[in-house]
Amino acid sequence: MLTVSSKIDQFGRVIIPKQIRKEMDLKPGDGFEIRIEGMTLVLVPYEMDKKTQSDLKAFTDLLRLNRRREKKVDKSIDLSALADEVNA
């Protein structure tokens, strides 16, 4: 059994040490089921099929695009409001 220590960062993330990632063949983007069993936190890796991975990537790309558009709209609204104040 391989045992190593890790900490939770300010954003709630936990680093899975390299030795464990290598031993478990974990790659960036791999998903986990997270369970509590008594006082133990259990991470169970799961595999997504190619279609699900593709759909998830398309969805996250769409979210990013929408966020960028929202920021542009917000900036435009702020500039418009500022122009109204200056012209008033």
PDB file of N, CA and C in Angstrom:
ATOM      1  N   MET A   1       0.848  -1.182   0.000  1.00  0.00           N
ATOM      2  CA  MET A   1       0.000   0.000   0.000  1.00  0.00           C
ATOM      3  C   MET A   1       0.885   1.234   0.000  1.00  0.00           C
ATOM      4  N   LEU A   2       0.572   2.175  -0.886  1.00  0.00           N
ATOM      5  CA  LEU A   2       1.310   3.425  -0.993  1.00  0.00           C
ATOM      6  C   LEU A   2       0.555   4.501  -0.223  1.00  0.00           C
ATOM      7  N   THR A   3       1.232   5.179   0.697  1.00  0.00           N
ATOM      8  CA  THR A   3       0.606   6.239   1.485  1.00  0.00           C
ATOM      9  C   THR A   3       1.455   7.495   1.383  1.00  0.00           C
ATOM     10  N   VAL A   4       0.827   8.605   1.018  1.00  0.00           N
ATOM     11  CA  VAL A   4       1.502   9.906   0.973  1.00  0.00           C
ATOM     12  C   VAL A   4       0.558  10.946   1.568  1.00  0.00           C
ATOM     13  N   SER A   5       1.091  12.119   1.852  1.00  0.00           N
ATOM     14  CA  SER A   5       0.279  13.193   2.432  1.00  0.00           C
ATOM     15  C   SER A   5       0.023  14.280   1.401  1.00  0.00           C
ATOM     16  N   SER A   6      -1.073  14.983   1.575  1.00  0.00           N
ATOM     17  CA  SER A   6      -1.421  16.112   0.726  1.00  0.00           C
ATOM     18  C   SER A   6      -2.275  17.065   1.556  1.00  0.00           C
ATOM     19  N   LYS A   7      -2.443  18.291   1.080  1.00  0.00           N
ATOM     20  CA  LYS A   7      -3.255  19.283   1.783  1.00  0.00           C
ATOM     21  C   LYS A   7      -4.309  19.850   0.840  1.00  0.00           C
ATOM     22  N   ILE A   8      -5.362  20.388   1.428  1.00  0.00           N
ATOM     23  CA  ILE A   8      -6.392  21.088   0.669  1.00  0.00           C
ATOM     24  C   ILE A   8      -5.951  22.541   0.533  1.00  0.00           C
ATOM     25  N   ASP A   9      -6.008  23.086  -0.698  1.00  0.00           N
ATOM     26  CA  ASP A   9      -5.622  24.487  -0.870  1.00  0.00           C
ATOM     27  C   ASP A   9      -6.811  25.407  -0.593  1.00  0.00           C
ATOM     28  N   GLN A  10      -6.598  26.703  -0.755  1.00  0.00           N
ATOM     29  CA  GLN A  10      -7.627  27.692  -0.420  1.00  0.00           C
ATOM     30  C   GLN A  10      -8.874  27.572  -1.284  1.00  0.00           C
ATOM     31  N   PHE A  11      -8.778  26.876  -2.416  1.00  0.00           N
ATOM     32  CA  PHE A  11      -9.922  26.701  -3.307  1.00  0.00           C
ATOM     33  C   PHE A  11     -10.587  25.340  -3.135  1.00  0.00           C
ATOM     34  N   GLY A  12     -10.137  24.563  -2.137  1.00  0.00           N
ATOM     35  CA  GLY A  12     -10.719  23.246  -1.877  1.00  0.00           C
ATOM     36  C   GLY A  12     -10.131  22.137  -2.720  1.00  0.00           C
ATOM     37  N   ARG A  13      -9.041  22.418  -3.422  1.00  0.00           N
ATOM     38  CA  ARG A  13      -8.420  21.408  -4.284  1.00  0.00           C
ATOM     39  C   ARG A  13      -7.397  20.602  -3.501  1.00  0.00           C
ATOM     40  N   VAL A  14      -7.267  19.349  -3.910  1.00  0.00           N
ATOM     41  CA  VAL A  14      -6.270  18.460  -3.318  1.00  0.00           C
ATOM     42  C   VAL A  14      -5.361  17.976  -4.443  1.00  0.00           C
ATOM     43  N   ILE A  15      -4.071  18.057  -4.225  1.00  0.00           N
ATOM     44  CA  ILE A  15      -3.112  17.539  -5.196  1.00  0.00           C
ATOM     45  C   ILE A  15      -2.950  16.044  -4.959  1.00  0.00           C
ATOM     46  N   ILE A  16      -3.113  15.264  -6.024  1.00  0.00           N
ATOM     47  CA  ILE A  16      -2.826  13.834  -5.932  1.00  0.00           C
ATOM     48  C   ILE A  16      -1.358  13.685  -6.316  1.00  0.00           C
ATOM     49  N   PRO A  17      -0.521  13.265  -5.372  1.00  0.00           N
ATOM     50  CA  PRO A  17       0.917  13.205  -5.623  1.00  0.00           C
ATOM     51  C   PRO A  17       1.274  12.337  -6.833  1.00  0.00           C
ATOM     52  N   LYS A  18       2.400  12.685  -7.447  1.00  0.00           N
ATOM     53  CA  LYS A  18       2.855  12.036  -8.675  1.00  0.00           C
ATOM     54  C   LYS A  18       2.949  10.521  -8.533  1.00  0.00           C
ATOM     55  N   GLN A  19       3.455  10.046  -7.376  1.00  0.00           N
ATOM     56  CA  GLN A  19       3.605   8.597  -7.198  1.00  0.00           C
ATOM     57  C   GLN A  19       2.258   7.885  -7.332  1.00  0.00           C
ATOM     58  N   ILE A  20       1.215   8.481  -6.766  1.00  0.00           N
ATOM     59  CA  ILE A  20      -0.113   7.861  -6.821  1.00  0.00           C
ATOM     60  C   ILE A  20      -0.696   7.983  -8.223  1.00  0.00           C
ATOM     61  N   ARG A  21      -0.525   9.156  -8.863  1.00  0.00           N
ATOM     62  CA  ARG A  21      -1.027   9.308 -10.238  1.00  0.00           C
ATOM     63  C   ARG A  21      -0.387   8.279 -11.153  1.00  0.00           C
ATOM     64  N   LYS A  22       0.914   8.066 -10.977  1.00  0.00           N
ATOM     65  CA  LYS A  22       1.625   7.092 -11.810  1.00  0.00           C
ATOM     66  C   LYS A  22       1.148   5.673 -11.507  1.00  0.00           C
ATOM     67  N   GLU A  23       1.054   5.324 -10.237  1.00  0.00           N
ATOM     68  CA  GLU A  23       0.625   3.985  -9.821  1.00  0.00           C
ATOM     69  C   GLU A  23      -0.779   3.663 -10.331  1.00  0.00           C
ATOM     70  N   MET A  24      -1.670   4.665 -10.307  1.00  0.00           N
ATOM     71  CA  MET A  24      -3.072   4.463 -10.707  1.00  0.00           C
ATOM     72  C   MET A  24      -3.325   4.825 -12.175  1.00  0.00           C
ATOM     73  N   ASP A  25      -2.273   5.258 -12.884  1.00  0.00           N
ATOM     74  CA  ASP A  25      -2.375   5.679 -14.288  1.00  0.00           C
ATOM     75  C   ASP A  25      -3.435   6.776 -14.456  1.00  0.00           C
ATOM     76  N   LEU A  26      -3.377   7.788 -13.584  1.00  0.00           N
ATOM     77  CA  LEU A  26      -4.324   8.903 -13.625  1.00  0.00           C
ATOM     78  C   LEU A  26      -3.781   9.999 -14.529  1.00  0.00           C
ATOM     79  N   LYS A  27      -4.667  10.556 -15.336  1.00  0.00           N
ATOM     80  CA  LYS A  27      -4.296  11.605 -16.284  1.00  0.00           C
ATOM     81  C   LYS A  27      -5.124  12.860 -16.004  1.00  0.00           C
ATOM     82  N   PRO A  28      -4.622  14.046 -16.420  1.00  0.00           N
ATOM     83  CA  PRO A  28      -5.417  15.263 -16.268  1.00  0.00           C
ATOM     84  C   PRO A  28      -6.784  15.085 -16.935  1.00  0.00           C
ATOM     85  N   GLY A  29      -7.819  15.513 -16.245  1.00  0.00           N
ATOM     86  CA  GLY A  29      -9.169  15.394 -16.774  1.00  0.00           C
ATOM     87  C   GLY A  29      -9.901  14.138 -16.353  1.00  0.00           C
ATOM     88  N   ASP A  30      -9.195  13.175 -15.735  1.00  0.00           N
ATOM     89  CA  ASP A  30      -9.867  11.965 -15.251  1.00  0.00           C
ATOM     90  C   ASP A  30     -10.892  12.348 -14.191  1.00  0.00           C
ATOM     91  N   GLY A  31     -12.009  11.649 -14.171  1.00  0.00           N
ATOM     92  CA  GLY A  31     -13.075  11.939 -13.220  1.00  0.00           C
ATOM     93  C   GLY A  31     -13.043  11.005 -12.024  1.00  0.00           C
ATOM     94  N   PHE A  32     -13.690  11.448 -10.942  1.00  0.00           N
ATOM     95  CA  PHE A  32     -13.740  10.670  -9.704  1.00  0.00           C
ATOM     96  C   PHE A  32     -15.131  10.692  -9.112  1.00  0.00           C
ATOM     97  N   GLU A  33     -15.483   9.597  -8.492  1.00  0.00           N
ATOM     98  CA  GLU A  33     -16.634   9.569  -7.596  1.00  0.00           C
ATOM     99  C   GLU A  33     -16.043   9.814  -6.214  1.00  0.00           C
ATOM    100  N   ILE A  34     -16.663  10.689  -5.439  1.00  0.00           N
ATOM    101  CA  ILE A  34     -16.165  11.000  -4.097  1.00  0.00           C
ATOM    102  C   ILE A  34     -17.200  10.522  -3.091  1.00  0.00           C
ATOM    103  N   ARG A  35     -16.760   9.684  -2.157  1.00  0.00           N
ATOM    104  CA  ARG A  35     -17.663   9.134  -1.142  1.00  0.00           C
ATOM    105  C   ARG A  35     -17.080   9.359   0.240  1.00  0.00           C
ATOM    106  N   ILE A  36     -17.975   9.379   1.215  1.00  0.00           N
ATOM    107  CA  ILE A  36     -17.567   9.384   2.618  1.00  0.00           C
ATOM    108  C   ILE A  36     -17.987   8.043   3.189  1.00  0.00           C
ATOM    109  N   GLU A  37     -17.035   7.329   3.743  1.00  0.00           N
ATOM    110  CA  GLU A  37     -17.300   6.049   4.399  1.00  0.00           C
ATOM    111  C   GLU A  37     -16.809   6.166   5.831  1.00  0.00           C
ATOM    112  N   GLY A  38     -17.745   6.408   6.752  1.00  0.00           N
ATOM    113  CA  GLY A  38     -17.361   6.655   8.140  1.00  0.00           C
ATOM    114  C   GLY A  38     -16.587   7.955   8.200  1.00  0.00           C
ATOM    115  N   MET A  39     -15.367   7.892   8.678  1.00  0.00           N
ATOM    116  CA  MET A  39     -14.501   9.068   8.741  1.00  0.00           C
ATOM    117  C   MET A  39     -13.443   9.033   7.643  1.00  0.00           C
ATOM    118  N   THR A  40     -13.713   8.279   6.577  1.00  0.00           N
ATOM    119  CA  THR A  40     -12.760   8.131   5.483  1.00  0.00           C
ATOM    120  C   THR A  40     -13.329   8.733   4.207  1.00  0.00           C
ATOM    121  N   LEU A  41     -12.522   9.520   3.523  1.00  0.00           N
ATOM    122  CA  LEU A  41     -12.883  10.072   2.226  1.00  0.00           C
ATOM    123  C   LEU A  41     -12.325   9.137   1.165  1.00  0.00           C
ATOM    124  N   VAL A  42     -13.177   8.691   0.254  1.00  0.00           N
ATOM    125  CA  VAL A  42     -12.770   7.724  -0.767  1.00  0.00           C
ATOM    126  C   VAL A  42     -12.935   8.351  -2.147  1.00  0.00           C
ATOM    127  N   LEU A  43     -11.866   8.334  -2.939  1.00  0.00           N
ATOM    128  CA  LEU A  43     -11.909   8.790  -4.330  1.00  0.00           C
ATOM    129  C   LEU A  43     -11.844   7.558  -5.218  1.00  0.00           C
ATOM    130  N   VAL A  44     -12.841   7.391  -6.075  1.00  0.00           N
ATOM    131  CA  VAL A  44     -12.863   6.241  -6.972  1.00  0.00           C
ATOM    132  C   VAL A  44     -12.840   6.766  -8.408  1.00  0.00           C
ATOM    133  N   PRO A  45     -11.737   6.498  -9.144  1.00  0.00           N
ATOM    134  CA  PRO A  45     -11.675   6.974 -10.527  1.00  0.00           C
ATOM    135  C   PRO A  45     -12.722   6.277 -11.387  1.00  0.00           C
ATOM    136  N   TYR A  46     -13.263   7.008 -12.343  1.00  0.00           N
ATOM    137  CA  TYR A  46     -14.156   6.387 -13.312  1.00  0.00           C
ATOM    138  C   TYR A  46     -13.753   6.841 -14.703  1.00  0.00           C
ATOM    139  N   GLU A  47     -14.083   6.026 -15.672  1.00  0.00           N
ATOM    140  CA  GLU A  47     -13.744   6.345 -17.052  1.00  0.00           C
ATOM    141  C   GLU A  47     -14.995   6.789 -17.791  1.00  0.00           C
ATOM    142  N   MET A  48     -14.854   7.842 -18.581  1.00  0.00           N
ATOM    143  CA  MET A  48     -15.944   8.279 -19.434  1.00  0.00           C
ATOM    144  C   MET A  48     -15.706   7.718 -20.831  1.00  0.00           C
ATOM    145  N   ASP A  49     -16.786   7.342 -21.502  1.00  0.00           N
ATOM    146  CA  ASP A  49     -16.618   6.890 -22.874  1.00  0.00           C
ATOM    147  C   ASP A  49     -16.287   8.097 -23.753  1.00  0.00           C
ATOM    148  N   LYS A  50     -15.821   7.845 -24.959  1.00  0.00           N
ATOM    149  CA  LYS A  50     -15.365   8.916 -25.858  1.00  0.00           C
ATOM    150  C   LYS A  50     -16.477   9.919 -26.164  1.00  0.00           C
ATOM    151  N   LYS A  51     -17.704   9.453 -26.347  1.00  0.00           N
ATOM    152  CA  LYS A  51     -18.826  10.351 -26.649  1.00  0.00           C
ATOM    153  C   LYS A  51     -19.077  11.293 -25.475  1.00  0.00           C
ATOM    154  N   THR A  52     -19.066  10.755 -24.257  1.00  0.00           N
ATOM    155  CA  THR A  52     -19.287  11.589 -23.075  1.00  0.00           C
ATOM    156  C   THR A  52     -18.165  12.606 -22.928  1.00  0.00           C
ATOM    157  N   GLN A  53     -16.912  12.183 -23.158  1.00  0.00           N
ATOM    158  CA  GLN A  53     -15.779  13.107 -23.087  1.00  0.00           C
ATOM    159  C   GLN A  53     -15.946  14.227 -24.106  1.00  0.00           C
ATOM    160  N   SER A  54     -16.342  13.862 -25.321  1.00  0.00           N
ATOM    161  CA  SER A  54     -16.531  14.846 -26.384  1.00  0.00           C
ATOM    162  C   SER A  54     -17.655  15.818 -26.029  1.00  0.00           C
ATOM    163  N   ASP A  55     -18.770  15.286 -25.519  1.00  0.00           N
ATOM    164  CA  ASP A  55     -19.893  16.139 -25.125  1.00  0.00           C
ATOM    165  C   ASP A  55     -19.498  17.080 -23.993  1.00  0.00           C
ATOM    166  N   LEU A  56     -18.753  16.567 -23.019  1.00  0.00           N
ATOM    167  CA  LEU A  56     -18.320  17.388 -21.892  1.00  0.00           C
ATOM    168  C   LEU A  56     -17.400  18.509 -22.361  1.00  0.00           C
ATOM    169  N   LYS A  57     -16.472  18.196 -23.267  1.00  0.00           N
ATOM    170  CA  LYS A  57     -15.568  19.217 -23.794  1.00  0.00           C
ATOM    171  C   LYS A  57     -16.356  20.284 -24.550  1.00  0.00           C
ATOM    172  N   ALA A  58     -17.308  19.869 -25.379  1.00  0.00           N
ATOM    173  CA  ALA A  58     -18.126  20.832 -26.126  1.00  0.00           C
ATOM    174  C   ALA A  58     -18.905  21.728 -25.166  1.00  0.00           C
ATOM    175  N   PHE A  59     -19.438  21.148 -24.112  1.00  0.00           N
ATOM    176  CA  PHE A  59     -20.203  21.911 -23.130  1.00  0.00           C
ATOM    177  C   PHE A  59     -19.319  22.924 -22.409  1.00  0.00           C
ATOM    178  N   THR A  60     -18.135  22.495 -21.960  1.00  0.00           N
ATOM    179  CA  THR A  60     -17.251  23.425 -21.248  1.00  0.00           C
ATOM    180  C   THR A  60     -16.743  24.519 -22.186  1.00  0.00           C
ATOM    181  N   ASP A  61     -16.491  24.176 -23.455  1.00  0.00           N
ATOM    182  CA  ASP A  61     -16.088  25.200 -24.427  1.00  0.00           C
ATOM    183  C   ASP A  61     -17.202  26.230 -24.619  1.00  0.00           C
ATOM    184  N   LEU A  62     -18.441  25.757 -24.683  1.00  0.00           N
ATOM    185  CA  LEU A  62     -19.584  26.654 -24.829  1.00  0.00           C
ATOM    186  C   LEU A  62     -19.726  27.566 -23.610  1.00  0.00           C
ATOM    187  N   LEU A  63     -19.527  27.011 -22.418  1.00  0.00           N
ATOM    188  CA  LEU A  63     -19.580  27.830 -21.203  1.00  0.00           C
ATOM    189  C   LEU A  63     -18.520  28.927 -21.228  1.00  0.00           C
ATOM    190  N   ARG A  64     -17.306  28.570 -21.644  1.00  0.00           N
ATOM    191  CA  ARG A  64     -16.229  29.570 -21.720  1.00  0.00           C
ATOM    192  C   ARG A  64     -16.594  30.687 -22.699  1.00  0.00           C
ATOM    193  N   LEU A  65     -17.128  30.304 -23.857  1.00  0.00           N
ATOM    194  CA  LEU A  65     -17.529  31.290 -24.857  1.00  0.00           C
ATOM    195  C   LEU A  65     -18.611  32.211 -24.295  1.00  0.00           C
ATOM    196  N   ASN A  66     -19.596  31.649 -23.623  1.00  0.00           N
ATOM    197  CA  ASN A  66     -20.662  32.461 -23.027  1.00  0.00           C
ATOM    198  C   ASN A  66     -20.122  33.411 -21.972  1.00  0.00           C
ATOM    199  N   ARG A  67     -19.164  32.953 -21.166  1.00  0.00           N
ATOM    200  CA  ARG A  67     -18.567  33.830 -20.146  1.00  0.00           C
ATOM    201  C   ARG A  67     -17.863  35.016 -20.797  1.00  0.00           C
ATOM    202  N   ARG A  68     -17.122  34.732 -21.891  1.00  0.00           N
ATOM    203  CA  ARG A  68     -16.436  35.819 -22.597  1.00  0.00           C
ATOM    204  C   ARG A  68     -17.444  36.824 -23.148  1.00  0.00           C
ATOM    205  N   ARG A  69     -18.532  36.316 -23.717  1.00  0.00           N
ATOM    206  CA  ARG A  69     -19.566  37.205 -24.260  1.00  0.00           C
ATOM    207  C   ARG A  69     -20.209  38.033 -23.151  1.00  0.00           C
ATOM    208  N   GLU A  70     -20.485  37.409 -22.012  1.00  0.00           N
ATOM    209  CA  GLU A  70     -21.081  38.136 -20.885  1.00  0.00           C
ATOM    210  C   GLU A  70     -20.163  39.258 -20.421  1.00  0.00           C
ATOM    211  N   LYS A  71     -18.862  38.989 -20.368  1.00  0.00           N
ATOM    212  CA  LYS A  71     -17.913  40.020 -19.942  1.00  0.00           C
ATOM    213  C   LYS A  71     -17.921  41.192 -20.918  1.00  0.00           C
ATOM    214  N   LYS A  72     -17.992  40.881 -22.234  1.00  0.00           N
ATOM    215  CA  LYS A  72     -18.032  41.953 -23.234  1.00  0.00           C
ATOM    216  C   LYS A  72     -19.306  42.777 -23.085  1.00  0.00           C
ATOM    217  N   VAL A  73     -20.433  42.112 -22.870  1.00  0.00           N
ATOM    218  CA  VAL A  73     -21.702  42.826 -22.693  1.00  0.00           C
ATOM    219  C   VAL A  73     -21.644  43.689 -21.439  1.00  0.00           C
ATOM    220  N   ASP A  74     -21.143  43.120 -20.334  1.00  0.00           N
ATOM    221  CA  ASP A  74     -21.029  43.886 -19.089  1.00  0.00           C
ATOM    222  C   ASP A  74     -20.153  45.117 -19.285  1.00  0.00           C
ATOM    223  N   LYS A  75     -19.037  44.940 -19.996  1.00  0.00           N
ATOM    224  CA  LYS A  75     -18.126  46.062 -20.237  1.00  0.00           C
ATOM    225  C   LYS A  75     -18.822  47.120 -21.091  1.00  0.00           C
ATOM    226  N   SER A  76     -19.554  46.675 -22.103  1.00  0.00           N
ATOM    227  CA  SER A  76     -20.282  47.597 -22.971  1.00  0.00           C
ATOM    228  C   SER A  76     -21.336  48.377 -22.188  1.00  0.00           C
ATOM    229  N   ILE A  77     -22.051  47.686 -21.313  1.00  0.00           N
ATOM    230  CA  ILE A  77     -23.063  48.347 -20.481  1.00  0.00           C
ATOM    231  C   ILE A  77     -22.408  49.371 -19.564  1.00  0.00           C
ATOM    232  N   ASP A  78     -21.276  48.991 -18.951  1.00  0.00           N
ATOM    233  CA  ASP A  78     -20.559  49.919 -18.068  1.00  0.00           C
ATOM    234  C   ASP A  78     -20.105  51.162 -18.827  1.00  0.00           C
ATOM    235  N   LEU A  79     -19.573  50.974 -20.045  1.00  0.00           N
ATOM    236  CA  LEU A  79     -19.110  52.115 -20.838  1.00  0.00           C
ATOM    237  C   LEU A  79     -20.279  52.994 -21.259  1.00  0.00           C
ATOM    238  N   SER A  80     -21.401  52.363 -21.597  1.00  0.00           N
ATOM    239  CA  SER A  80     -22.594  53.116 -21.984  1.00  0.00           C
ATOM    240  C   SER A  80     -23.105  53.952 -20.809  1.00  0.00           C
ATOM    241  N   ALA A  81     -23.134  53.359 -19.630  1.00  0.00           N
ATOM    242  CA  ALA A  81     -23.585  54.077 -18.435  1.00  0.00           C
ATOM    243  C   ALA A  81     -22.646  55.237 -18.124  1.00  0.00           C
ATOM    244  N   LEU A  82     -21.345  55.015 -18.295  1.00  0.00           N
ATOM    245  CA  LEU A  82     -20.364  56.068 -18.056  1.00  0.00           C
ATOM    246  C   LEU A  82     -20.561  57.212 -19.045  1.00  0.00           C
ATOM    247  N   ALA A  83     -20.800  56.878 -20.306  1.00  0.00           N
ATOM    248  CA  ALA A  83     -21.032  57.909 -21.323  1.00  0.00           C
ATOM    249  C   ALA A  83     -22.284  58.710 -20.996  1.00  0.00           C
ATOM    250  N   ASP A  84     -23.326  58.036 -20.533  1.00  0.00           N
ATOM    251  CA  ASP A  84     -24.558  58.733 -20.145  1.00  0.00           C
ATOM    252  C   ASP A  84     -24.294  59.714 -19.007  1.00  0.00           C
ATOM    253  N   GLU A  85     -23.476  59.299 -18.039  1.00  0.00           N
ATOM    254  CA  GLU A  85     -23.155  60.174 -16.905  1.00  0.00           C
ATOM    255  C   GLU A  85     -22.363  61.388 -17.366  1.00  0.00           C
ATOM    256  N   VAL A  86     -21.418  61.162 -18.271  1.00  0.00           N
ATOM    257  CA  VAL A  86     -20.580  62.255 -18.759  1.00  0.00           C
ATOM    258  C   VAL A  86     -21.423  63.249 -19.555  1.00  0.00           C
ATOM    259  N   ASN A  87     -22.354  62.745 -20.343  1.00  0.00           N
ATOM    260  CA  ASN A  87     -23.188  63.607 -21.191  1.00  0.00           C
ATOM    261  C   ASN A  87     -24.343  64.257 -20.439  1.00  0.00           C
ATOM    262  N   ALA A  88     -24.579  63.838 -19.209  1.00  0.00           N
ATOM    263  CA  ALA A  88     -25.712  64.395 -18.446  1.00  0.00           C
ATOM    264  C   ALA A  88     -25.395  65.740 -17.851  1.00  0.00           C
TER     265      ALA A  88
END
